[in-house]
Protein backbone atom coordinates (compact mmCIF):
# COMPACT_ATOMS: atom_id res chain seq x y z
CA MET A 1 25.70 20.58 64.52
CA GLU A 2 22.77 20.84 62.15
CA ILE A 3 21.13 17.74 60.79
CA ASN A 4 20.22 18.11 57.16
CA ALA A 5 17.44 15.99 55.62
CA THR A 6 19.64 15.21 52.63
CA THR A 7 22.45 14.07 54.87
CA VAL A 8 20.12 11.80 56.79
CA LEU A 9 18.62 10.36 53.59
CA VAL A 10 22.05 9.64 52.10
CA ALA A 11 23.25 8.07 55.34
CA VAL A 12 20.17 5.86 55.67
CA LEU A 13 20.09 4.76 52.06
CA GLY A 14 23.85 4.32 51.77
CA GLY A 15 24.26 2.56 55.07
CA GLY A 16 21.50 0.06 54.51
CA GLY A 17 22.29 -0.72 50.90
CA LEU A 18 18.95 0.71 49.93
CA GLY A 19 20.66 3.08 47.49
CA ALA A 20 21.83 0.16 45.37
CA ILE A 21 18.37 -1.39 45.47
CA LEU A 22 16.76 1.91 44.52
CA ARG A 23 19.26 2.33 41.67
CA GLU A 24 18.40 -1.17 40.37
CA ILE A 25 14.65 -0.49 40.59
CA ILE A 26 15.05 2.74 38.65
CA SER A 27 17.25 0.97 36.10
CA GLY A 28 14.63 -1.79 35.71
CA ILE A 29 11.87 0.73 35.21
CA GLY A 30 13.98 2.44 32.54
CA LYS A 31 14.58 -0.86 30.76
CA ILE A 32 10.88 -1.67 30.79
CA ALA A 33 10.08 1.77 29.42
CA ARG A 34 12.69 1.39 26.68
CA GLY A 35 11.35 -2.09 25.84
CA VAL A 36 7.86 -0.74 25.32
CA SER A 37 9.35 2.12 23.37
CA LEU A 38 11.27 -0.32 21.16
CA LYS A 39 8.08 -2.27 20.47
CA GLU A 40 6.24 0.91 19.57
CA SER A 41 9.14 2.03 17.43
CA SER A 42 9.19 -1.34 15.67
CA ARG A 43 5.43 -1.13 15.05
CA ARG A 44 5.83 2.40 13.69
CA VAL A 45 8.52 1.19 11.29
CA ASP A 46 6.18 -1.64 10.19
CA LEU A 47 3.35 0.83 9.58
CA VAL A 48 5.62 3.13 7.60
CA THR A 49 6.81 0.17 5.50
CA GLU A 50 3.23 -0.94 4.85
CA ARG A 51 2.26 2.61 3.87
CA ASP A 52 5.22 2.92 1.50
CA ASP A 53 4.40 -0.44 -0.09
CA ALA A 54 0.75 0.57 -0.54
CA LEU A 55 1.78 3.88 -2.12
CA ARG A 56 4.20 2.07 -4.43
CA ARG A 57 1.47 -0.38 -5.50
CA ALA A 58 -0.99 2.47 -6.02
CA GLY A 59 1.58 4.29 -8.16
CA HIS A 60 2.18 1.14 -10.20
CA LEU A 61 -1.57 0.64 -10.71
CA SER A 62 -1.93 4.27 -11.70
CA ASP A 63 0.89 3.91 -14.24
CA GLU A 64 -0.70 0.74 -15.57
CA ARG A 65 -4.10 2.44 -15.87
CA ASP A 66 -2.53 5.43 -17.65
CA ARG A 67 -0.68 3.12 -20.06
CA GLU A 68 -3.89 1.21 -20.78
CA GLY A 69 -5.73 4.47 -21.46
CA ARG A 70 -3.02 5.68 -23.86
CA ASN A 71 -3.07 2.35 -25.70
CA ARG A 72 -6.86 2.41 -25.93
CA ARG A 73 -6.82 5.93 -27.38
CA LEU A 74 -4.13 4.96 -29.90
CA LEU A 75 -6.18 1.95 -31.01
CA PHE A 76 -9.26 4.17 -31.29
CA LEU A 77 -7.36 6.63 -33.50
CA HIS A 78 -5.98 3.81 -35.65
CA THR A 79 -9.48 2.34 -36.06
CA ALA A 80 -10.86 5.75 -37.04
CA HIS A 81 -8.07 6.12 -39.61
CA LEU A 82 -8.82 2.69 -41.11
CA GLU A 83 -12.55 3.50 -41.24
CA SER A 84 -11.79 6.74 -43.08
CA ILE A 85 -9.73 4.80 -45.64
CA LEU A 86 -12.57 2.32 -46.20
CA ILE A 87 -15.10 5.14 -46.60
CA ARG A 88 -12.83 7.00 -49.03
CA GLU A 89 -12.43 3.80 -51.10
CA GLY A 90 -16.19 3.34 -51.26
CA LEU A 91 -16.30 0.35 -48.94
CA ARG A 92 -18.54 1.85 -46.25
CA ASP A 93 -20.76 -1.28 -46.24
CA LYS A 94 -17.73 -3.41 -45.26
CA ILE A 95 -17.33 -1.58 -41.93
CA PRO A 96 -18.82 -3.66 -39.12
CA PRO A 97 -21.01 -1.89 -36.57
CA THR A 98 -19.19 -0.45 -33.59
CA PRO A 99 -19.81 -2.61 -30.53
CA LYS A 100 -21.08 -1.09 -27.31
CA LEU A 101 -18.16 -0.92 -24.90
CA GLU A 102 -20.19 -2.40 -22.05
CA ASP A 103 -21.02 -5.38 -24.22
CA ALA A 104 -17.64 -5.81 -25.90
CA ILE A 105 -16.15 -8.56 -23.71
CA THR A 106 -17.43 -9.25 -20.24
CA PRO A 107 -16.82 -12.28 -18.05
CA ALA A 108 -20.35 -13.46 -18.90
CA HIS A 109 -19.56 -13.25 -22.62
CA LEU A 110 -16.37 -15.24 -22.08
CA ARG A 111 -18.26 -17.94 -20.16
CA LYS A 112 -20.89 -18.17 -22.92
CA ALA A 113 -18.16 -18.39 -25.57
CA ARG A 114 -16.36 -21.13 -23.66
CA GLU A 115 -19.61 -23.05 -23.14
CA ALA A 116 -20.50 -22.71 -26.83
CA LYS A 117 -17.02 -23.91 -27.78
CA ASN A 118 -17.40 -26.96 -25.53
CA ASP A 119 -20.78 -27.82 -27.08
CA TYR A 120 -19.18 -28.80 -30.41
């Protein structure tokens, strides 16, 4: 009769209950691995959600910036049209000077205006 290594291993592990212990150890290792994997998966989902939110906000800001630019151009065209009417009617001297855009309204100008208003 030949003694096979597999037969001996099965007999030793099965007879001593070591097979059940080994099965539980392997199962525990699998659960730990899946737990870490679930945490990583959860973190990945969080990162994807954060990215999607950031892209949505960036798209909204871009839309808002585009809308502001369109409105500014429309106001510029309307102002130019009104200036042309005043010039055609001979009222060129009634047109106020065009303000510099940097100096139009800045936070410093608003503070000065509020301070001047409070002085009265």
